[in-house]
């Protein structure tokens, strides 16, 4: 019983820590947007481009496996 309670307490603390980290990240994002809009905007464009490239590469990789499966 004690171990279960301790596990719940640890889980609660971890959840609280994650919530605080998320709030800190959101605050940092908001500050960057307000104080350096151009830099913030450029960073988002780069992140979006990277996501597009990774997605595009994954689609091509999947298509290659489909072609390989059809030939065997």
PDB file of N, CA and C in Angstrom:
ATOM      1  N   UNK A   1       0.824  -1.191   0.000  1.00  0.00           N
ATOM      2  CA  UNK A   1       0.000   0.000   0.000  1.00  0.00           C
ATOM      3  C   UNK A   1       0.864   1.248   0.000  1.00  0.00           C
ATOM      4  N   UNK A   2       1.929   1.227   0.795  1.00  0.00           N
ATOM      5  CA  UNK A   2       2.793   2.396   0.879  1.00  0.00           C
ATOM      6  C   UNK A   2       3.479   2.648  -0.471  1.00  0.00           C
ATOM      7  N   UNK A   3       3.891   1.582  -1.143  1.00  0.00           N
ATOM      8  CA  UNK A   3       4.560   1.729  -2.440  1.00  0.00           C
ATOM      9  C   UNK A   3       3.618   2.355  -3.465  1.00  0.00           C
ATOM     10  N   UNK A   4       2.358   1.956  -3.438  1.00  0.00           N
ATOM     11  CA  UNK A   4       1.373   2.531  -4.359  1.00  0.00           C
ATOM     12  C   UNK A   4       1.172   4.015  -4.114  1.00  0.00           C
ATOM     13  N   UNK A   5       1.121   4.388  -2.854  1.00  0.00           N
ATOM     14  CA  UNK A   5       0.953   5.806  -2.503  1.00  0.00           C
ATOM     15  C   UNK A   5       2.161   6.608  -2.950  1.00  0.00           C
ATOM     16  N   UNK A   6       3.349   6.051  -2.703  1.00  0.00           N
ATOM     17  CA  UNK A   6       4.579   6.746  -3.108  1.00  0.00           C
ATOM     18  C   UNK A   6       4.639   6.894  -4.627  1.00  0.00           C
ATOM     19  N   UNK A   7       4.188   5.885  -5.347  1.00  0.00           N
ATOM     20  CA  UNK A   7       4.180   5.952  -6.805  1.00  0.00           C
ATOM     21  C   UNK A   7       3.232   7.053  -7.276  1.00  0.00           C
ATOM     22  N   UNK A   8       2.073   7.174  -6.629  1.00  0.00           N
ATOM     23  CA  UNK A   8       1.123   8.232  -7.000  1.00  0.00           C
ATOM     24  C   UNK A   8       1.697   9.606  -6.703  1.00  0.00           C
ATOM     25  N   UNK A   9       2.388   9.740  -5.571  1.00  0.00           N
ATOM     26  CA  UNK A   9       3.009  11.017  -5.208  1.00  0.00           C
ATOM     27  C   UNK A   9       4.078  11.385  -6.231  1.00  0.00           C
ATOM     28  N   UNK A  10       4.912  10.402  -6.623  1.00  0.00           N
ATOM     29  CA  UNK A  10       5.945  10.646  -7.634  1.00  0.00           C
ATOM     30  C   UNK A  10       5.317  11.051  -8.959  1.00  0.00           C
ATOM     31  N   UNK A  11       4.260  10.352  -9.342  1.00  0.00           N
ATOM     32  CA  UNK A  11       3.584  10.658 -10.602  1.00  0.00           C
ATOM     33  C   UNK A  11       2.995  12.058 -10.562  1.00  0.00           C
ATOM     34  N   UNK A  12       2.417  12.446  -9.435  1.00  0.00           N
ATOM     35  CA  UNK A  12       1.841  13.777  -9.285  1.00  0.00           C
ATOM     36  C   UNK A  12       2.929  14.849  -9.399  1.00  0.00           C
ATOM     37  N   UNK A  13       4.075  14.598  -8.748  1.00  0.00           N
ATOM     38  CA  UNK A  13       5.188  15.553  -8.820  1.00  0.00           C
ATOM     39  C   UNK A  13       5.714  15.673 -10.240  1.00  0.00           C
ATOM     40  N   UNK A  14       5.829  14.556 -10.924  1.00  0.00           N
ATOM     41  CA  UNK A  14       6.315  14.563 -12.303  1.00  0.00           C
ATOM     42  C   UNK A  14       5.348  15.333 -13.209  1.00  0.00           C
ATOM     43  N   UNK A  15       4.064  15.105 -13.013  1.00  0.00           N
ATOM     44  CA  UNK A  15       3.056  15.810 -13.801  1.00  0.00           C
ATOM     45  C   UNK A  15       3.136  17.315 -13.548  1.00  0.00           C
ATOM     46  N   UNK A  16       3.312  17.707 -12.305  1.00  0.00           N
ATOM     47  CA  UNK A  16       3.447  19.121 -11.946  1.00  0.00           C
ATOM     48  C   UNK A  16       4.687  19.715 -12.597  1.00  0.00           C
ATOM     49  N   UNK A  17       5.789  18.977 -12.570  1.00  0.00           N
ATOM     50  CA  UNK A  17       7.025  19.444 -13.196  1.00  0.00           C
ATOM     51  C   UNK A  17       6.826  19.638 -14.701  1.00  0.00           C
ATOM     52  N   UNK A  18       6.163  18.688 -15.358  1.00  0.00           N
ATOM     53  CA  UNK A  18       5.900  18.799 -16.789  1.00  0.00           C
ATOM     54  C   UNK A  18       5.024  20.015 -17.081  1.00  0.00           C
ATOM     55  N   UNK A  19       4.031  20.260 -16.231  1.00  0.00           N
ATOM     56  CA  UNK A  19       3.139  21.410 -16.412  1.00  0.00           C
ATOM     57  C   UNK A  19       3.927  22.709 -16.297  1.00  0.00           C
ATOM     58  N   UNK A  20       4.822  22.794 -15.297  1.00  0.00           N
ATOM     59  CA  UNK A  20       5.648  23.988 -15.113  1.00  0.00           C
ATOM     60  C   UNK A  20       6.582  24.208 -16.301  1.00  0.00           C
ATOM     61  N   UNK A  21       7.171  23.114 -16.814  1.00  0.00           N
ATOM     62  CA  UNK A  21       8.048  23.235 -17.975  1.00  0.00           C
ATOM     63  C   UNK A  21       7.275  23.722 -19.195  1.00  0.00           C
ATOM     64  N   UNK A  22       6.056  23.216 -19.364  1.00  0.00           N
ATOM     65  CA  UNK A  22       5.213  23.636 -20.486  1.00  0.00           C
ATOM     66  C   UNK A  22       4.866  25.120 -20.364  1.00  0.00           C
ATOM     67  N   UNK A  23       4.502  25.556 -19.164  1.00  0.00           N
ATOM     68  CA  UNK A  23       4.194  26.966 -18.942  1.00  0.00           C
ATOM     69  C   UNK A  23       5.412  27.841 -19.219  1.00  0.00           C
ATOM     70  N   UNK A  24       6.584  27.387 -18.786  1.00  0.00           N
ATOM     71  CA  UNK A  24       7.822  28.138 -19.018  1.00  0.00           C
ATOM     72  C   UNK A  24       8.094  28.255 -20.519  1.00  0.00           C
ATOM     73  N   UNK A  25       7.918  27.167 -21.250  1.00  0.00           N
ATOM     74  CA  UNK A  25       8.147  27.180 -22.700  1.00  0.00           C
ATOM     75  C   UNK A  25       7.151  28.107 -23.396  1.00  0.00           C
ATOM     76  N   UNK A  26       5.896  28.060 -22.969  1.00  0.00           N
ATOM     77  CA  UNK A  26       4.883  28.947 -23.559  1.00  0.00           C
ATOM     78  C   UNK A  26       5.216  30.406 -23.291  1.00  0.00           C
ATOM     79  N   UNK A  27       5.685  30.716 -22.083  1.00  0.00           N
ATOM     80  CA  UNK A  27       6.063  32.083 -21.719  1.00  0.00           C
ATOM     81  C   UNK A  27       7.261  32.549 -22.556  1.00  0.00           C
ATOM     82  N   UNK A  28       8.249  31.657 -22.726  1.00  0.00           N
ATOM     83  CA  UNK A  28       9.424  31.986 -23.530  1.00  0.00           C
ATOM     84  C   UNK A  28       9.010  32.254 -24.981  1.00  0.00           C
ATOM     85  N   UNK A  29       8.119  31.435 -25.492  1.00  0.00           N
ATOM     86  CA  UNK A  29       7.623  31.596 -26.864  1.00  0.00           C
ATOM     87  C   UNK A  29       6.902  32.937 -27.021  1.00  0.00           C
ATOM     88  N   UNK A  30       6.051  33.252 -26.051  1.00  0.00           N
ATOM     89  CA  UNK A  30       5.310  34.521 -26.095  1.00  0.00           C
ATOM     90  C   UNK A  30       6.268  35.719 -26.028  1.00  0.00           C
ATOM     91  N   UNK A  31       7.254  35.644 -25.137  1.00  0.00           N
ATOM     92  CA  UNK A  31       8.232  36.724 -25.017  1.00  0.00           C
ATOM     93  C   UNK A  31       9.012  36.904 -26.316  1.00  0.00           C
ATOM     94  N   UNK A  32       9.421  35.798 -26.911  1.00  0.00           N
ATOM     95  CA  UNK A  32      10.169  35.884 -28.169  1.00  0.00           C
ATOM     96  C   UNK A  32       9.306  36.492 -29.261  1.00  0.00           C
ATOM     97  N   UNK A  33       8.051  36.081 -29.334  1.00  0.00           N
ATOM     98  CA  UNK A  33       7.137  36.614 -30.347  1.00  0.00           C
ATOM     99  C   UNK A  33       6.946  38.120 -30.174  1.00  0.00           C
ATOM    100  N   UNK A  34       6.813  38.573 -28.938  1.00  0.00           N
ATOM    101  CA  UNK A  34       6.580  39.994 -28.677  1.00  0.00           C
ATOM    102  C   UNK A  34       7.838  40.841 -28.851  1.00  0.00           C
ATOM    103  N   UNK A  35       8.997  40.303 -28.476  1.00  0.00           N
ATOM    104  CA  UNK A  35      10.223  41.100 -28.469  1.00  0.00           C
ATOM    105  C   UNK A  35      11.072  40.951 -29.723  1.00  0.00           C
ATOM    106  N   UNK A  36      10.922  39.849 -30.444  1.00  0.00           N
ATOM    107  CA  UNK A  36      11.712  39.614 -31.657  1.00  0.00           C
ATOM    108  C   UNK A  36      10.824  38.881 -32.657  1.00  0.00           C
ATOM    109  N   UNK A  37       9.831  39.602 -33.150  1.00  0.00           N
ATOM    110  CA  UNK A  37       8.848  38.968 -34.022  1.00  0.00           C
ATOM    111  C   UNK A  37       9.494  38.387 -35.269  1.00  0.00           C
ATOM    112  N   UNK A  38      10.422  39.111 -35.868  1.00  0.00           N
ATOM    113  CA  UNK A  38      11.053  38.630 -37.094  1.00  0.00           C
ATOM    114  C   UNK A  38      11.857  37.344 -36.840  1.00  0.00           C
ATOM    115  N   UNK A  39      12.626  37.327 -35.773  1.00  0.00           N
ATOM    116  CA  UNK A  39      13.383  36.126 -35.428  1.00  0.00           C
ATOM    117  C   UNK A  39      12.468  34.956 -35.112  1.00  0.00           C
ATOM    118  N   UNK A  40      11.406  35.225 -34.378  1.00  0.00           N
ATOM    119  CA  UNK A  40      10.428  34.194 -34.037  1.00  0.00           C
ATOM    120  C   UNK A  40       9.784  33.636 -35.302  1.00  0.00           C
ATOM    121  N   UNK A  41       9.403  34.542 -36.192  1.00  0.00           N
ATOM    122  CA  UNK A  41       8.770  34.143 -37.445  1.00  0.00           C
ATOM    123  C   UNK A  41       9.724  33.312 -38.306  1.00  0.00           C
ATOM    124  N   UNK A  42      10.977  33.727 -38.385  1.00  0.00           N
ATOM    125  CA  UNK A  42      11.965  32.977 -39.163  1.00  0.00           C
ATOM    126  C   UNK A  42      12.178  31.586 -38.575  1.00  0.00           C
ATOM    127  N   UNK A  43      12.232  31.506 -37.261  1.00  0.00           N
ATOM    128  CA  UNK A  43      12.416  30.201 -36.605  1.00  0.00           C
ATOM    129  C   UNK A  43      11.259  29.266 -36.935  1.00  0.00           C
ATOM    130  N   UNK A  44      10.037  29.799 -36.912  1.00  0.00           N
ATOM    131  CA  UNK A  44       8.878  28.967 -37.243  1.00  0.00           C
ATOM    132  C   UNK A  44       8.926  28.500 -38.695  1.00  0.00           C
ATOM    133  N   UNK A  45       9.367  29.386 -39.591  1.00  0.00           N
ATOM    134  CA  UNK A  45       9.481  28.990 -41.005  1.00  0.00           C
ATOM    135  C   UNK A  45      10.488  27.860 -41.178  1.00  0.00           C
ATOM    136  N   UNK A  46      11.614  27.960 -40.480  1.00  0.00           N
ATOM    137  CA  UNK A  46      12.640  26.916 -40.567  1.00  0.00           C
ATOM    138  C   UNK A  46      12.092  25.607 -40.007  1.00  0.00           C
ATOM    139  N   UNK A  47      11.423  25.670 -38.858  1.00  0.00           N
ATOM    140  CA  UNK A  47      10.843  24.460 -38.267  1.00  0.00           C
ATOM    141  C   UNK A  47       9.824  23.830 -39.208  1.00  0.00           C
ATOM    142  N   UNK A  48       9.015  24.659 -39.846  1.00  0.00           N
ATOM    143  CA  UNK A  48       8.015  24.147 -40.774  1.00  0.00           C
ATOM    144  C   UNK A  48       8.689  23.496 -41.980  1.00  0.00           C
ATOM    145  N   UNK A  49       9.745  24.111 -42.496  1.00  0.00           N
ATOM    146  CA  UNK A  49      10.463  23.551 -43.638  1.00  0.00           C
ATOM    147  C   UNK A  49      11.084  22.202 -43.274  1.00  0.00           C
ATOM    148  N   UNK A  50      11.668  22.117 -42.089  1.00  0.00           N
ATOM    149  CA  UNK A  50      12.267  20.850 -41.649  1.00  0.00           C
ATOM    150  C   UNK A  50      11.187  19.769 -41.540  1.00  0.00           C
ATOM    151  N   UNK A  51      10.053  20.103 -40.962  1.00  0.00           N
ATOM    152  CA  UNK A  51       8.960  19.131 -40.844  1.00  0.00           C
ATOM    153  C   UNK A  51       8.494  18.669 -42.221  1.00  0.00           C
ATOM    154  N   UNK A  52       8.391  19.603 -43.156  1.00  0.00           N
ATOM    155  CA  UNK A  52       7.968  19.250 -44.509  1.00  0.00           C
ATOM    156  C   UNK A  52       8.966  18.296 -45.156  1.00  0.00           C
ATOM    157  N   UNK A  53      10.250  18.604 -45.030  1.00  0.00           N
ATOM    158  CA  UNK A  53      11.293  17.760 -45.625  1.00  0.00           C
ATOM    159  C   UNK A  53      11.263  16.361 -45.012  1.00  0.00           C
ATOM    160  N   UNK A  54      11.157  16.286 -43.683  1.00  0.00           N
ATOM    161  CA  UNK A  54      11.109  14.978 -43.026  1.00  0.00           C
ATOM    162  C   UNK A  54       9.880  14.184 -43.455  1.00  0.00           C
ATOM    163  N   UNK A  55       8.744  14.843 -43.547  1.00  0.00           N
ATOM    164  CA  UNK A  55       7.515  14.182 -43.981  1.00  0.00           C
ATOM    165  C   UNK A  55       7.651  13.708 -45.420  1.00  0.00           C
ATOM    166  N   UNK A  56       8.178  14.572 -46.275  1.00  0.00           N
ATOM    167  CA  UNK A  56       8.362  14.246 -47.684  1.00  0.00           C
ATOM    168  C   UNK A  56       9.287  13.041 -47.831  1.00  0.00           C
ATOM    169  N   UNK A  57      10.401  13.022 -47.095  1.00  0.00           N
ATOM    170  CA  UNK A  57      11.334  11.900 -47.153  1.00  0.00           C
ATOM    171  C   UNK A  57      10.698  10.619 -46.644  1.00  0.00           C
ATOM    172  N   UNK A  58       9.894  10.716 -45.600  1.00  0.00           N
ATOM    173  CA  UNK A  58       9.232   9.528 -45.058  1.00  0.00           C
ATOM    174  C   UNK A  58       8.251   8.946 -46.072  1.00  0.00           C
ATOM    175  N   UNK A  59       7.525   9.815 -46.777  1.00  0.00           N
ATOM    176  CA  UNK A  59       6.571   9.352 -47.792  1.00  0.00           C
ATOM    177  C   UNK A  59       7.312   8.609 -48.898  1.00  0.00           C
ATOM    178  N   UNK A  60       8.450   9.162 -49.333  1.00  0.00           N
ATOM    179  CA  UNK A  60       9.227   8.499 -50.378  1.00  0.00           C
ATOM    180  C   UNK A  60       9.774   7.163 -49.887  1.00  0.00           C
ATOM    181  N   UNK A  61      10.208   7.091 -48.655  1.00  0.00           N
ATOM    182  CA  UNK A  61      10.721   5.848 -48.099  1.00  0.00           C
ATOM    183  C   UNK A  61       9.623   4.795 -48.035  1.00  0.00           C
ATOM    184  N   UNK A  62       8.440   5.182 -47.610  1.00  0.00           N
ATOM    185  CA  UNK A  62       7.306   4.261 -47.548  1.00  0.00           C
ATOM    186  C   UNK A  62       6.947   3.783 -48.952  1.00  0.00           C
ATOM    187  N   UNK A  63       6.956   4.695 -49.914  1.00  0.00           N
ATOM    188  CA  UNK A  63       6.636   4.330 -51.296  1.00  0.00           C
ATOM    189  C   UNK A  63       7.646   3.314 -51.831  1.00  0.00           C
ATOM    190  N   UNK A  64       8.907   3.463 -51.477  1.00  0.00           N
ATOM    191  CA  UNK A  64       9.925   2.506 -51.911  1.00  0.00           C
ATOM    192  C   UNK A  64       9.637   1.120 -51.345  1.00  0.00           C
ATOM    193  N   UNK A  65       9.234   1.037 -50.071  1.00  0.00           N
ATOM    194  CA  UNK A  65       8.923  -0.254 -49.484  1.00  0.00           C
ATOM    195  C   UNK A  65       7.694  -0.882 -50.143  1.00  0.00           C
ATOM    196  N   UNK A  66       6.738  -0.069 -50.498  1.00  0.00           N
ATOM    197  CA  UNK A  66       5.539  -0.593 -51.168  1.00  0.00           C
ATOM    198  C   UNK A  66       5.930  -1.181 -52.509  1.00  0.00           C
ATOM    199  N   UNK A  67       6.782  -0.476 -53.248  1.00  0.00           N
ATOM    200  CA  UNK A  67       7.241  -0.978 -54.544  1.00  0.00           C
ATOM    201  C   UNK A  67       8.004  -2.280 -54.347  1.00  0.00           C
ATOM    202  N   UNK A  68       8.866  -2.357 -53.354  1.00  0.00           N
ATOM    203  CA  UNK A  68       9.619  -3.584 -53.085  1.00  0.00           C
ATOM    204  C   UNK A  68       8.699  -4.732 -52.735  1.00  0.00           C
ATOM    205  N   UNK A  69       7.664  -4.476 -51.938  1.00  0.00           N
ATOM    206  CA  UNK A  69       6.733  -5.528 -51.556  1.00  0.00           C
ATOM    207  C   UNK A  69       5.961  -6.048 -52.752  1.00  0.00           C
ATOM    208  N   UNK A  70       5.636  -5.207 -53.712  1.00  0.00           N
ATOM    209  CA  UNK A  70       4.871  -5.617 -54.886  1.00  0.00           C
ATOM    210  C   UNK A  70       5.690  -6.493 -55.824  1.00  0.00           C
ATOM    211  N   UNK A  71       7.010  -6.365 -55.806  1.00  0.00           N
ATOM    212  CA  UNK A  71       7.848  -7.138 -56.719  1.00  0.00           C
ATOM    213  C   UNK A  71       8.158  -8.521 -56.178  1.00  0.00           C
ATOM    214  N   UNK A  72       7.962  -8.761 -54.903  1.00  0.00           N
ATOM    215  CA  UNK A  72       8.286 -10.069 -54.325  1.00  0.00           C
ATOM    216  C   UNK A  72       7.076 -10.906 -54.161  1.00  0.00           C
TER     217      UNK A  72
END
